[in-house]
Amino acid sequence: MLPTLFSVPLAALQHYLYCPRQCALIHLECVWADNQFTAEGNVFHERADSGMTENRGRKKILRSLHVSSLQWGIHGIADVVEAVYAEKGGVPISMTPVEYKVGKPKPHRADEVQVCAQAFCLEEMFGMAIPAGFLFYGKTQRRHEVAFDDELRSLTSRIIRETRDILTGVVTPLPQYSKACKSCSLVNDCLPDVCRERRQGMKDRVDEVFEESLNMWEADDL
């Protein structure tokens, strides 16, 4: 019998890779706010989120499919899963997850990790190997194939563990200001600039006190 793991939402994996603090604010503190980018994403996902099933011969398009894995301790909703059947009314012989993203391909692997985690769930649910999936980007209107090779599977496994550590912890990570903060819808809740200034101010004060103490010790030795 598999041990019971704290189940990590699939969306949290991408949030964690984008910013561990953002992940904790959303999934631990239940903080959420919309901005232009999240609103565009909601509109872009309307069809994928409809839950409508479409038949195309031996292929069935499943939208908003609830997926989960006890082995990995993850759960969530796959935007689209393309199931191919050997015969109509039979069992699927292949399952391919397709994750929809409103923007364009990113320099990091957060999107790839998310769709790979969906494959983990589908492999357990349907008892089959899933070698690859797709990412569809709204800006390019193109699919990008994602091979679920050993490197990506290992990365996804590690990110699941690290995200679980964040979500089962009791401390929200401190902000680390970066360019990504400008696009984050939670920037006004996170206040990375304010926290950075306070930390810098505290550091400057500690350095000042240390310098004063050092000067006093040197004066006593004279």
N, C-alpha and C. Protein backbone atom coordinates (compact mmCIF):
# COMPACT_ATOMS: atom_id res chain seq x y z
N MET A 1 0.84 -1.20 0.00
CA MET A 1 0.00 0.00 0.00
C MET A 1 0.88 1.25 0.00
N LEU A 2 0.55 2.20 -0.87
CA LEU A 2 1.34 3.42 -0.97
C LEU A 2 1.12 4.31 0.25
N PRO A 3 2.20 4.95 0.75
CA PRO A 3 2.01 5.89 1.87
C PRO A 3 1.20 7.09 1.41
N THR A 4 0.43 7.66 2.34
CA THR A 4 -0.39 8.82 2.00
C THR A 4 0.49 10.07 2.01
N LEU A 5 0.55 10.73 0.87
CA LEU A 5 1.34 11.94 0.74
C LEU A 5 0.42 13.16 0.69
N PHE A 6 0.93 14.28 1.18
CA PHE A 6 0.21 15.54 0.99
C PHE A 6 0.11 15.78 -0.51
N SER A 7 -1.10 15.93 -1.03
CA SER A 7 -1.29 16.05 -2.47
C SER A 7 -1.06 17.48 -2.93
N VAL A 8 -0.15 17.63 -3.86
CA VAL A 8 0.25 18.95 -4.37
C VAL A 8 -0.56 19.29 -5.62
N PRO A 9 -1.21 20.46 -5.68
CA PRO A 9 -1.90 20.86 -6.91
C PRO A 9 -0.91 21.03 -8.05
N LEU A 10 -1.29 20.57 -9.23
CA LEU A 10 -0.39 20.68 -10.38
C LEU A 10 0.00 22.13 -10.65
N ALA A 11 -0.95 23.05 -10.49
CA ALA A 11 -0.65 24.46 -10.75
C ALA A 11 0.43 24.99 -9.82
N ALA A 12 0.53 24.40 -8.61
CA ALA A 12 1.52 24.87 -7.65
C ALA A 12 2.94 24.61 -8.13
N LEU A 13 3.12 23.59 -8.97
CA LEU A 13 4.46 23.29 -9.47
C LEU A 13 4.99 24.44 -10.31
N GLN A 14 4.14 24.96 -11.18
CA GLN A 14 4.56 26.09 -12.00
C GLN A 14 4.74 27.34 -11.15
N HIS A 15 3.83 27.55 -10.20
CA HIS A 15 3.96 28.70 -9.31
C HIS A 15 5.29 28.64 -8.55
N TYR A 16 5.66 27.44 -8.09
CA TYR A 16 6.91 27.28 -7.34
C TYR A 16 8.12 27.61 -8.21
N LEU A 17 8.11 27.13 -9.45
CA LEU A 17 9.25 27.39 -10.33
C LEU A 17 9.32 28.86 -10.72
N TYR A 18 8.16 29.52 -10.81
CA TYR A 18 8.14 30.95 -11.10
C TYR A 18 8.70 31.73 -9.91
N CYS A 19 8.22 31.35 -8.71
CA CYS A 19 8.65 32.04 -7.49
C CYS A 19 8.13 31.27 -6.28
N PRO A 20 9.00 30.72 -5.42
CA PRO A 20 8.54 29.98 -4.24
C PRO A 20 7.62 30.80 -3.34
N ARG A 21 7.89 32.11 -3.23
CA ARG A 21 7.03 32.95 -2.39
C ARG A 21 5.64 33.07 -3.00
N GLN A 22 5.56 33.23 -4.33
CA GLN A 22 4.26 33.29 -4.98
C GLN A 22 3.48 32.01 -4.72
N CYS A 23 4.16 30.88 -4.81
CA CYS A 23 3.52 29.59 -4.57
C CYS A 23 2.92 29.54 -3.16
N ALA A 24 3.68 29.98 -2.17
CA ALA A 24 3.20 29.95 -0.79
C ALA A 24 2.06 30.94 -0.57
N LEU A 25 2.15 32.13 -1.16
CA LEU A 25 1.08 33.12 -1.00
C LEU A 25 -0.24 32.59 -1.56
N ILE A 26 -0.18 31.93 -2.72
CA ILE A 26 -1.40 31.43 -3.35
C ILE A 26 -1.95 30.22 -2.63
N HIS A 27 -1.10 29.24 -2.35
CA HIS A 27 -1.58 27.94 -1.88
C HIS A 27 -1.56 27.78 -0.36
N LEU A 28 -0.80 28.62 0.34
CA LEU A 28 -0.80 28.57 1.80
C LEU A 28 -1.66 29.68 2.40
N GLU A 29 -1.46 30.90 1.90
CA GLU A 29 -2.15 32.06 2.48
C GLU A 29 -3.42 32.43 1.71
N CYS A 30 -3.70 31.70 0.62
CA CYS A 30 -4.91 31.93 -0.18
C CYS A 30 -5.02 33.37 -0.67
N VAL A 31 -3.88 33.91 -1.10
CA VAL A 31 -3.84 35.27 -1.66
C VAL A 31 -3.94 35.16 -3.17
N TRP A 32 -4.82 35.95 -3.76
CA TRP A 32 -4.94 35.95 -5.22
C TRP A 32 -5.37 37.32 -5.70
N ALA A 33 -4.86 37.71 -6.85
CA ALA A 33 -5.27 38.95 -7.50
C ALA A 33 -5.08 38.77 -8.99
N ASP A 34 -5.94 39.40 -9.77
CA ASP A 34 -5.83 39.32 -11.22
C ASP A 34 -5.11 40.55 -11.76
N ASN A 35 -4.42 40.36 -12.86
CA ASN A 35 -3.88 41.48 -13.62
C ASN A 35 -4.11 41.20 -15.10
N GLN A 36 -3.51 41.98 -15.95
CA GLN A 36 -3.72 41.81 -17.40
C GLN A 36 -3.38 40.40 -17.86
N PHE A 37 -2.29 39.86 -17.33
CA PHE A 37 -1.81 38.57 -17.81
C PHE A 37 -2.72 37.43 -17.35
N THR A 38 -3.19 37.48 -16.10
CA THR A 38 -4.08 36.42 -15.62
C THR A 38 -5.45 36.52 -16.31
N ALA A 39 -5.90 37.76 -16.58
CA ALA A 39 -7.19 37.93 -17.28
C ALA A 39 -7.11 37.38 -18.70
N GLU A 40 -6.00 37.67 -19.38
CA GLU A 40 -5.82 37.13 -20.74
C GLU A 40 -5.77 35.61 -20.70
N GLY A 41 -5.15 35.06 -19.68
CA GLY A 41 -5.07 33.61 -19.54
C GLY A 41 -6.44 32.99 -19.34
N ASN A 42 -7.29 33.66 -18.56
CA ASN A 42 -8.65 33.15 -18.32
C ASN A 42 -9.45 33.09 -19.62
N VAL A 43 -9.35 34.15 -20.42
CA VAL A 43 -10.07 34.18 -21.70
C VAL A 43 -9.52 33.12 -22.64
N PHE A 44 -8.20 32.99 -22.68
CA PHE A 44 -7.55 32.03 -23.57
C PHE A 44 -7.95 30.60 -23.23
N HIS A 45 -8.19 30.33 -21.94
CA HIS A 45 -8.50 28.96 -21.50
C HIS A 45 -9.98 28.61 -21.57
N GLU A 46 -10.82 29.53 -22.02
CA GLU A 46 -12.27 29.28 -21.97
C GLU A 46 -12.66 27.98 -22.65
N ARG A 47 -12.12 27.73 -23.83
CA ARG A 47 -12.50 26.51 -24.55
C ARG A 47 -11.95 25.27 -23.85
N ALA A 48 -10.66 25.35 -23.46
CA ALA A 48 -10.04 24.20 -22.80
C ALA A 48 -10.73 23.90 -21.47
N ASP A 49 -11.24 24.95 -20.80
CA ASP A 49 -11.89 24.77 -19.51
C ASP A 49 -13.37 24.40 -19.62
N SER A 50 -13.87 24.29 -20.84
CA SER A 50 -15.31 24.04 -21.02
C SER A 50 -15.73 22.65 -20.58
N GLY A 51 -14.78 21.70 -20.57
CA GLY A 51 -15.12 20.33 -20.20
C GLY A 51 -15.78 19.55 -21.33
N MET A 52 -15.91 20.16 -22.50
CA MET A 52 -16.57 19.50 -23.62
C MET A 52 -15.68 18.40 -24.20
N THR A 53 -16.30 17.28 -24.56
CA THR A 53 -15.59 16.17 -25.20
C THR A 53 -15.88 16.19 -26.69
N GLU A 54 -14.85 15.94 -27.47
CA GLU A 54 -14.99 15.98 -28.93
C GLU A 54 -14.45 14.69 -29.52
N ASN A 55 -15.22 14.08 -30.41
CA ASN A 55 -14.81 12.84 -31.07
C ASN A 55 -14.31 13.13 -32.48
N ARG A 56 -13.13 12.61 -32.78
CA ARG A 56 -12.55 12.76 -34.12
C ARG A 56 -12.09 11.37 -34.59
N GLY A 57 -13.03 10.59 -35.05
CA GLY A 57 -12.70 9.23 -35.46
C GLY A 57 -12.31 8.39 -34.25
N ARG A 58 -11.11 7.82 -34.28
CA ARG A 58 -10.64 7.02 -33.16
C ARG A 58 -9.99 7.87 -32.06
N LYS A 59 -9.97 9.17 -32.27
CA LYS A 59 -9.39 10.08 -31.28
C LYS A 59 -10.49 10.83 -30.54
N LYS A 60 -10.36 10.90 -29.23
CA LYS A 60 -11.31 11.64 -28.41
C LYS A 60 -10.56 12.76 -27.70
N ILE A 61 -11.08 13.98 -27.80
CA ILE A 61 -10.47 15.14 -27.15
C ILE A 61 -11.18 15.37 -25.82
N LEU A 62 -10.46 15.17 -24.73
CA LEU A 62 -11.01 15.34 -23.38
C LEU A 62 -10.53 16.67 -22.83
N ARG A 63 -11.44 17.52 -22.41
CA ARG A 63 -11.08 18.85 -21.89
C ARG A 63 -11.38 18.93 -20.40
N SER A 64 -10.52 19.67 -19.70
CA SER A 64 -10.66 19.85 -18.24
C SER A 64 -10.79 18.51 -17.54
N LEU A 65 -9.85 17.62 -17.82
CA LEU A 65 -9.88 16.28 -17.25
C LEU A 65 -9.21 16.30 -15.87
N HIS A 66 -9.95 15.86 -14.85
CA HIS A 66 -9.39 15.77 -13.50
C HIS A 66 -8.43 14.59 -13.43
N VAL A 67 -7.22 14.85 -12.99
CA VAL A 67 -6.20 13.81 -12.92
C VAL A 67 -5.56 13.82 -11.53
N SER A 68 -5.01 12.67 -11.15
CA SER A 68 -4.35 12.58 -9.84
C SER A 68 -3.42 11.38 -9.81
N SER A 69 -2.50 11.39 -8.86
CA SER A 69 -1.58 10.27 -8.68
C SER A 69 -1.33 10.08 -7.20
N LEU A 70 -1.59 8.87 -6.70
CA LEU A 70 -1.28 8.55 -5.31
C LEU A 70 0.22 8.35 -5.13
N GLN A 71 0.85 7.78 -6.15
CA GLN A 71 2.29 7.51 -6.06
C GLN A 71 3.09 8.80 -5.90
N TRP A 72 2.73 9.81 -6.69
CA TRP A 72 3.47 11.07 -6.66
C TRP A 72 2.85 12.10 -5.72
N GLY A 73 1.62 11.88 -5.30
CA GLY A 73 0.97 12.83 -4.42
C GLY A 73 0.69 14.16 -5.10
N ILE A 74 0.04 14.09 -6.27
CA ILE A 74 -0.30 15.29 -7.02
C ILE A 74 -1.71 15.16 -7.58
N HIS A 75 -2.33 16.30 -7.85
CA HIS A 75 -3.67 16.28 -8.43
C HIS A 75 -3.91 17.60 -9.15
N GLY A 76 -4.88 17.60 -10.05
CA GLY A 76 -5.21 18.83 -10.75
C GLY A 76 -6.08 18.57 -11.95
N ILE A 77 -6.07 19.52 -12.86
CA ILE A 77 -6.89 19.43 -14.07
C ILE A 77 -5.99 19.60 -15.29
N ALA A 78 -6.07 18.65 -16.20
CA ALA A 78 -5.34 18.75 -17.47
C ALA A 78 -6.20 19.51 -18.46
N ASP A 79 -5.63 20.52 -19.10
CA ASP A 79 -6.40 21.33 -20.06
C ASP A 79 -7.04 20.44 -21.12
N VAL A 80 -6.21 19.68 -21.81
CA VAL A 80 -6.69 18.80 -22.88
C VAL A 80 -5.89 17.50 -22.84
N VAL A 81 -6.58 16.39 -23.00
CA VAL A 81 -5.92 15.09 -23.16
C VAL A 81 -6.48 14.46 -24.43
N GLU A 82 -5.60 14.10 -25.34
CA GLU A 82 -6.01 13.46 -26.58
C GLU A 82 -5.87 11.95 -26.41
N ALA A 83 -7.00 11.26 -26.42
CA ALA A 83 -7.01 9.81 -26.24
C ALA A 83 -7.27 9.13 -27.58
N VAL A 84 -6.44 8.16 -27.91
CA VAL A 84 -6.60 7.41 -29.16
C VAL A 84 -7.05 5.99 -28.81
N TYR A 85 -8.07 5.51 -29.52
CA TYR A 85 -8.64 4.20 -29.25
C TYR A 85 -8.37 3.26 -30.43
N ALA A 86 -8.13 1.98 -30.12
CA ALA A 86 -7.93 0.99 -31.17
C ALA A 86 -9.22 0.78 -31.94
N GLU A 87 -10.32 0.85 -31.22
CA GLU A 87 -11.63 0.71 -31.85
C GLU A 87 -12.64 1.53 -31.07
N LYS A 88 -13.69 1.93 -31.74
CA LYS A 88 -14.70 2.76 -31.12
C LYS A 88 -15.35 2.02 -29.95
N GLY A 89 -15.42 2.68 -28.81
CA GLY A 89 -16.01 2.07 -27.63
C GLY A 89 -15.05 1.21 -26.84
N GLY A 90 -13.79 1.11 -27.30
CA GLY A 90 -12.80 0.31 -26.59
C GLY A 90 -12.06 1.12 -25.54
N VAL A 91 -10.90 0.62 -25.17
CA VAL A 91 -10.08 1.32 -24.18
C VAL A 91 -9.01 2.11 -24.91
N PRO A 92 -8.54 3.21 -24.35
CA PRO A 92 -7.53 4.01 -25.04
C PRO A 92 -6.19 3.28 -25.13
N ILE A 93 -5.52 3.45 -26.26
CA ILE A 93 -4.19 2.85 -26.43
C ILE A 93 -3.09 3.89 -26.28
N SER A 94 -3.46 5.16 -26.28
CA SER A 94 -2.49 6.22 -26.01
C SER A 94 -3.20 7.44 -25.45
N MET A 95 -2.48 8.17 -24.59
CA MET A 95 -3.01 9.40 -23.98
C MET A 95 -1.93 10.47 -24.10
N THR A 96 -2.31 11.63 -24.60
CA THR A 96 -1.34 12.70 -24.79
C THR A 96 -1.86 13.98 -24.15
N PRO A 97 -1.20 14.47 -23.09
CA PRO A 97 -1.63 15.74 -22.48
C PRO A 97 -1.19 16.93 -23.31
N VAL A 98 -2.07 17.92 -23.41
CA VAL A 98 -1.77 19.16 -24.13
C VAL A 98 -2.09 20.32 -23.19
N GLU A 99 -1.07 21.06 -22.79
CA GLU A 99 -1.25 22.19 -21.88
C GLU A 99 -1.27 23.48 -22.68
N TYR A 100 -2.26 24.34 -22.40
CA TYR A 100 -2.42 25.60 -23.12
C TYR A 100 -1.83 26.75 -22.30
N LYS A 101 -1.03 27.57 -22.96
CA LYS A 101 -0.42 28.74 -22.33
C LYS A 101 -0.67 29.96 -23.21
N VAL A 102 -1.04 31.07 -22.59
CA VAL A 102 -1.43 32.25 -23.35
C VAL A 102 -0.24 32.95 -24.00
N GLY A 103 0.95 32.81 -23.42
CA GLY A 103 2.11 33.56 -23.91
C GLY A 103 2.92 32.84 -24.97
N LYS A 104 4.22 32.80 -24.74
CA LYS A 104 5.14 32.18 -25.69
C LYS A 104 6.10 31.28 -24.91
N PRO A 105 6.87 30.43 -25.61
CA PRO A 105 7.81 29.55 -24.91
C PRO A 105 8.75 30.33 -24.00
N LYS A 106 9.04 29.75 -22.84
CA LYS A 106 9.82 30.43 -21.81
C LYS A 106 11.23 29.85 -21.73
N PRO A 107 12.17 30.63 -21.19
CA PRO A 107 13.54 30.14 -21.07
C PRO A 107 13.71 29.09 -19.97
N HIS A 108 12.76 29.05 -19.01
CA HIS A 108 12.83 28.04 -17.95
C HIS A 108 11.90 26.87 -18.30
N ARG A 109 11.82 25.87 -17.43
CA ARG A 109 11.12 24.63 -17.77
C ARG A 109 9.82 24.44 -16.97
N ALA A 110 9.27 25.52 -16.44
CA ALA A 110 8.07 25.40 -15.60
C ALA A 110 6.90 24.78 -16.36
N ASP A 111 6.69 25.20 -17.61
CA ASP A 111 5.57 24.66 -18.39
C ASP A 111 5.79 23.17 -18.67
N GLU A 112 7.03 22.81 -18.97
CA GLU A 112 7.34 21.41 -19.25
C GLU A 112 7.11 20.53 -18.02
N VAL A 113 7.49 21.04 -16.86
CA VAL A 113 7.28 20.30 -15.61
C VAL A 113 5.79 20.07 -15.37
N GLN A 114 4.98 21.09 -15.62
CA GLN A 114 3.55 20.96 -15.38
C GLN A 114 2.92 19.89 -16.27
N VAL A 115 3.27 19.87 -17.56
CA VAL A 115 2.67 18.88 -18.45
C VAL A 115 3.25 17.49 -18.19
N CYS A 116 4.50 17.42 -17.74
CA CYS A 116 5.09 16.13 -17.38
C CYS A 116 4.39 15.55 -16.15
N ALA A 117 4.06 16.40 -15.19
CA ALA A 117 3.34 15.94 -14.00
C ALA A 117 1.96 15.41 -14.37
N GLN A 118 1.33 16.03 -15.37
CA GLN A 118 0.06 15.51 -15.86
C GLN A 118 0.25 14.10 -16.41
N ALA A 119 1.36 13.89 -17.11
CA ALA A 119 1.65 12.56 -17.65
C ALA A 119 1.84 11.54 -16.52
N PHE A 120 2.49 11.95 -15.43
CA PHE A 120 2.63 11.06 -14.27
C PHE A 120 1.26 10.55 -13.83
N CYS A 121 0.31 11.48 -13.75
CA CYS A 121 -1.05 11.12 -13.31
C CYS A 121 -1.72 10.16 -14.30
N LEU A 122 -1.64 10.50 -15.58
CA LEU A 122 -2.29 9.69 -16.60
C LEU A 122 -1.69 8.29 -16.67
N GLU A 123 -0.38 8.19 -16.50
CA GLU A 123 0.28 6.88 -16.53
C GLU A 123 -0.25 5.99 -15.41
N GLU A 124 -0.44 6.57 -14.24
CA GLU A 124 -0.96 5.80 -13.11
C GLU A 124 -2.44 5.47 -13.29
N MET A 125 -3.20 6.44 -13.79
CA MET A 125 -4.65 6.25 -13.92
C MET A 125 -5.01 5.23 -15.00
N PHE A 126 -4.24 5.23 -16.11
CA PHE A 126 -4.60 4.39 -17.25
C PHE A 126 -3.62 3.24 -17.48
N GLY A 127 -2.58 3.15 -16.64
CA GLY A 127 -1.67 2.02 -16.72
C GLY A 127 -0.92 1.92 -18.03
N MET A 128 -0.44 3.05 -18.52
CA MET A 128 0.30 3.04 -19.78
C MET A 128 1.44 4.05 -19.73
N ALA A 129 2.45 3.82 -20.55
CA ALA A 129 3.56 4.76 -20.65
C ALA A 129 3.18 5.90 -21.58
N ILE A 130 3.55 7.11 -21.19
CA ILE A 130 3.27 8.29 -22.01
C ILE A 130 4.61 8.94 -22.33
N PRO A 131 5.08 8.82 -23.56
CA PRO A 131 6.42 9.30 -23.90
C PRO A 131 6.54 10.79 -24.13
N ALA A 132 5.41 11.46 -24.46
CA ALA A 132 5.51 12.88 -24.81
C ALA A 132 4.16 13.56 -24.68
N GLY A 133 4.20 14.88 -24.61
CA GLY A 133 2.99 15.69 -24.60
C GLY A 133 3.25 16.95 -25.41
N PHE A 134 2.35 17.93 -25.28
CA PHE A 134 2.50 19.15 -26.06
C PHE A 134 2.20 20.38 -25.20
N LEU A 135 2.84 21.48 -25.56
CA LEU A 135 2.51 22.80 -25.03
C LEU A 135 2.03 23.65 -26.20
N PHE A 136 0.84 24.23 -26.05
CA PHE A 136 0.31 25.10 -27.10
C PHE A 136 0.35 26.53 -26.58
N TYR A 137 1.05 27.41 -27.32
CA TYR A 137 1.21 28.80 -26.89
C TYR A 137 0.35 29.73 -27.74
N GLY A 138 -0.40 30.60 -27.05
CA GLY A 138 -1.32 31.48 -27.74
C GLY A 138 -0.65 32.49 -28.64
N LYS A 139 0.51 33.02 -28.22
CA LYS A 139 1.17 34.05 -29.02
C LYS A 139 1.71 33.51 -30.33
N THR A 140 2.22 32.30 -30.31
CA THR A 140 2.78 31.72 -31.52
C THR A 140 1.77 30.87 -32.28
N GLN A 141 0.67 30.50 -31.59
CA GLN A 141 -0.35 29.63 -32.18
C GLN A 141 0.28 28.34 -32.72
N ARG A 142 1.24 27.83 -31.96
CA ARG A 142 1.92 26.61 -32.38
C ARG A 142 2.05 25.65 -31.20
N ARG A 143 2.07 24.37 -31.55
CA ARG A 143 2.34 23.33 -30.56
C ARG A 143 3.84 23.08 -30.48
N HIS A 144 4.28 22.81 -29.27
CA HIS A 144 5.67 22.42 -29.06
C HIS A 144 5.68 21.07 -28.35
N GLU A 145 6.29 20.09 -28.98
CA GLU A 145 6.33 18.76 -28.38
C GLU A 145 7.29 18.74 -27.19
N VAL A 146 6.88 18.06 -26.14
CA VAL A 146 7.70 17.92 -24.94
C VAL A 146 7.95 16.43 -24.72
N ALA A 147 9.20 16.02 -24.85
CA ALA A 147 9.56 14.62 -24.62
C ALA A 147 9.74 14.39 -23.12
N PHE A 148 9.06 13.40 -22.60
CA PHE A 148 9.17 13.09 -21.17
C PHE A 148 10.35 12.15 -20.95
N ASP A 149 11.55 12.70 -21.15
CA ASP A 149 12.76 11.90 -21.01
C ASP A 149 13.17 11.82 -19.54
N ASP A 150 14.26 11.10 -19.28
CA ASP A 150 14.70 10.88 -17.90
C ASP A 150 15.03 12.20 -17.20
N GLU A 151 15.63 13.12 -17.94
CA GLU A 151 16.02 14.40 -17.34
C GLU A 151 14.80 15.19 -16.86
N LEU A 152 13.77 15.28 -17.71
CA LEU A 152 12.57 16.03 -17.34
C LEU A 152 11.81 15.31 -16.23
N ARG A 153 11.75 13.99 -16.29
CA ARG A 153 11.06 13.24 -15.24
C ARG A 153 11.76 13.42 -13.89
N SER A 154 13.09 13.42 -13.91
CA SER A 154 13.83 13.63 -12.67
C SER A 154 13.61 15.03 -12.12
N LEU A 155 13.62 16.03 -13.01
CA LEU A 155 13.37 17.41 -12.59
C LEU A 155 11.96 17.55 -12.01
N THR A 156 10.98 16.96 -12.68
CA THR A 156 9.59 17.05 -12.22
C THR A 156 9.43 16.40 -10.85
N SER A 157 10.06 15.25 -10.66
CA SER A 157 10.02 14.56 -9.37
C SER A 157 10.60 15.45 -8.26
N ARG A 158 11.72 16.10 -8.55
CA ARG A 158 12.35 16.97 -7.55
C ARG A 158 11.48 18.18 -7.23
N ILE A 159 10.88 18.77 -8.26
CA ILE A 159 10.04 19.95 -8.05
C ILE A 159 8.79 19.58 -7.24
N ILE A 160 8.25 18.39 -7.46
CA ILE A 160 7.10 17.95 -6.66
C ILE A 160 7.49 17.89 -5.19
N ARG A 161 8.65 17.32 -4.89
CA ARG A 161 9.10 17.21 -3.49
C ARG A 161 9.34 18.60 -2.88
N GLU A 162 10.00 19.47 -3.63
CA GLU A 162 10.31 20.80 -3.10
C GLU A 162 9.03 21.63 -2.89
N THR A 163 8.08 21.49 -3.81
CA THR A 163 6.82 22.22 -3.66
C THR A 163 6.05 21.69 -2.46
N ARG A 164 6.07 20.38 -2.26
CA ARG A 164 5.40 19.81 -1.09
C ARG A 164 6.03 20.34 0.20
N ASP A 165 7.35 20.48 0.21
CA ASP A 165 8.02 21.02 1.40
C ASP A 165 7.53 22.43 1.70
N ILE A 166 7.33 23.24 0.65
CA ILE A 166 6.83 24.60 0.83
C ILE A 166 5.41 24.57 1.40
N LEU A 167 4.55 23.72 0.81
CA LEU A 167 3.14 23.73 1.18
C LEU A 167 2.85 23.04 2.51
N THR A 168 3.78 22.24 2.99
CA THR A 168 3.59 21.61 4.30
C THR A 168 4.39 22.34 5.37
N GLY A 169 5.06 23.40 4.99
CA GLY A 169 5.81 24.20 5.95
C GLY A 169 4.92 25.22 6.63
N VAL A 170 5.50 26.01 7.49
CA VAL A 170 4.72 27.01 8.24
C VAL A 170 5.21 28.42 7.96
N VAL A 171 6.24 28.56 7.14
CA VAL A 171 6.82 29.87 6.89
C VAL A 171 6.78 30.17 5.39
N THR A 172 6.21 31.31 5.05
CA THR A 172 6.22 31.76 3.66
C THR A 172 7.60 32.32 3.34
N PRO A 173 8.23 31.86 2.25
CA PRO A 173 9.57 32.35 1.92
C PRO A 173 9.60 33.87 1.77
N LEU A 174 10.73 34.45 2.12
CA LEU A 174 10.91 35.89 1.95
C LEU A 174 11.00 36.23 0.46
N PRO A 175 10.62 37.44 0.09
CA PRO A 175 10.68 37.80 -1.33
C PRO A 175 12.11 37.98 -1.82
N GLN A 176 12.33 37.58 -3.05
CA GLN A 176 13.60 37.82 -3.72
C GLN A 176 13.27 38.59 -4.99
N TYR A 177 13.54 39.88 -5.00
CA TYR A 177 13.12 40.72 -6.12
C TYR A 177 13.84 40.32 -7.40
N SER A 178 13.06 40.23 -8.50
CA SER A 178 13.61 39.93 -9.82
C SER A 178 12.73 40.59 -10.87
N LYS A 179 13.11 40.48 -12.13
CA LYS A 179 12.32 41.05 -13.22
C LYS A 179 10.92 40.43 -13.27
N ALA A 180 10.82 39.17 -12.84
CA ALA A 180 9.53 38.48 -12.87
C ALA A 180 8.49 39.16 -11.98
N CYS A 181 8.94 39.90 -10.97
CA CYS A 181 8.01 40.56 -10.05
C CYS A 181 7.10 41.55 -10.78
N LYS A 182 7.60 42.17 -11.85
CA LYS A 182 6.83 43.17 -12.58
C LYS A 182 5.59 42.56 -13.23
N SER A 183 5.66 41.28 -13.60
CA SER A 183 4.54 40.62 -14.27
C SER A 183 3.64 39.86 -13.31
N CYS A 184 4.04 39.78 -12.05
CA CYS A 184 3.29 38.98 -11.07
C CYS A 184 2.05 39.74 -10.60
N SER A 185 0.91 39.07 -10.59
CA SER A 185 -0.34 39.71 -10.16
C SER A 185 -0.36 39.96 -8.65
N LEU A 186 0.57 39.34 -7.91
CA LEU A 186 0.58 39.49 -6.46
C LEU A 186 1.61 40.50 -5.97
N VAL A 187 2.15 41.29 -6.89
CA VAL A 187 3.24 42.20 -6.51
C VAL A 187 2.81 43.18 -5.41
N ASN A 188 1.53 43.60 -5.41
CA ASN A 188 1.06 44.55 -4.39
C ASN A 188 0.80 43.88 -3.05
N ASP A 189 0.65 42.55 -3.05
CA ASP A 189 0.49 41.81 -1.80
C ASP A 189 1.85 41.35 -1.27
N CYS A 190 2.73 41.02 -2.19
CA CYS A 190 4.06 40.52 -1.82
C CYS A 190 4.97 41.65 -1.35
N LEU A 191 4.89 42.81 -2.03
CA LEU A 191 5.71 43.99 -1.72
C LEU A 191 7.20 43.67 -1.69
N PRO A 192 7.73 43.12 -2.78
CA PRO A 192 9.15 42.74 -2.78
C PRO A 192 10.09 43.92 -2.60
N ASP A 193 9.72 45.10 -3.16
CA ASP A 193 10.58 46.28 -3.01
C ASP A 193 10.68 46.72 -1.57
N VAL A 194 9.51 46.76 -0.88
CA VAL A 194 9.48 47.21 0.51
C VAL A 194 10.29 46.27 1.39
N CYS A 195 10.07 44.96 1.19
CA CYS A 195 10.80 43.98 2.00
C CYS A 195 12.29 44.04 1.73
N ARG A 196 12.64 44.27 0.46
CA ARG A 196 14.06 44.37 0.11
C ARG A 196 14.69 45.57 0.79
N GLU A 197 13.96 46.71 0.79
CA GLU A 197 14.49 47.92 1.42
C GLU A 197 14.63 47.74 2.92
N ARG A 198 13.64 47.05 3.54
CA ARG A 198 13.72 46.83 4.98
C ARG A 198 14.89 45.93 5.33
N ARG A 199 15.08 44.85 4.53
CA ARG A 199 16.19 43.94 4.80
C ARG A 199 17.52 44.67 4.63
N GLN A 200 17.61 45.52 3.59
CA GLN A 200 18.84 46.26 3.36
C GLN A 200 19.07 47.26 4.49
N GLY A 201 17.96 47.89 4.96
CA GLY A 201 18.09 48.83 6.07
C GLY A 201 18.56 48.15 7.34
N MET A 202 18.02 46.95 7.60
CA MET A 202 18.44 46.20 8.79
C MET A 202 19.91 45.79 8.67
N LYS A 203 20.31 45.36 7.46
CA LYS A 203 21.70 44.97 7.25
C LYS A 203 22.63 46.16 7.48
N ASP A 204 22.23 47.32 6.93
CA ASP A 204 23.06 48.52 7.10
C ASP A 204 23.20 48.88 8.58
N ARG A 205 22.08 48.74 9.33
CA ARG A 205 22.12 49.07 10.76
C ARG A 205 23.00 48.09 11.53
N VAL A 206 22.91 46.80 11.19
CA VAL A 206 23.77 45.80 11.85
C VAL A 206 25.24 46.10 11.55
N ASP A 207 25.53 46.42 10.29
CA ASP A 207 26.91 46.75 9.92
C ASP A 207 27.40 47.98 10.67
N GLU A 208 26.49 48.95 10.84
CA GLU A 208 26.85 50.19 11.54
C GLU A 208 27.17 49.92 13.01
N VAL A 209 26.31 49.10 13.66
CA VAL A 209 26.53 48.77 15.07
C VAL A 209 27.82 47.98 15.24
N PHE A 210 28.06 47.05 14.30
CA PHE A 210 29.29 46.25 14.37
C PHE A 210 30.52 47.15 14.23
N GLU A 211 30.45 48.11 13.31
CA GLU A 211 31.57 49.02 13.09
C GLU A 211 31.81 49.88 14.33
N GLU A 212 30.73 50.35 14.96
CA GLU A 212 30.86 51.16 16.17
C GLU A 212 31.49 50.35 17.30
N SER A 213 31.04 49.09 17.44
CA SER A 213 31.59 48.24 18.49
C SER A 213 33.06 47.96 18.25
N LEU A 214 33.41 47.72 16.99
CA LEU A 214 34.80 47.44 16.65
C LEU A 214 35.68 48.64 16.97
N ASN A 215 35.18 49.84 16.67
CA ASN A 215 35.95 51.05 16.95
C ASN A 215 36.14 51.24 18.45
N MET A 216 35.09 50.88 19.24
CA MET A 216 35.20 51.01 20.69
C MET A 216 36.24 50.05 21.24
N TRP A 217 36.25 48.81 20.72
CA TRP A 217 37.24 47.83 21.20
C TRP A 217 38.65 48.28 20.85
N GLU A 218 38.81 48.83 19.66
CA GLU A 218 40.14 49.29 19.25
C GLU A 218 40.58 50.47 20.12
N ALA A 219 39.63 51.34 20.48
CA ALA A 219 39.96 52.49 21.33
C ALA A 219 40.37 52.03 22.73
N ASP A 220 39.71 50.99 23.25
CA ASP A 220 40.05 50.47 24.58
C ASP A 220 41.44 49.86 24.62
N ASP A 221 41.88 49.34 23.48
CA ASP A 221 43.19 48.70 23.43
C ASP A 221 44.33 49.71 23.35
N LEU A 222 44.00 50.96 23.04
CA LEU A 222 45.06 51.97 22.93
C LEU A 222 45.57 52.40 24.30
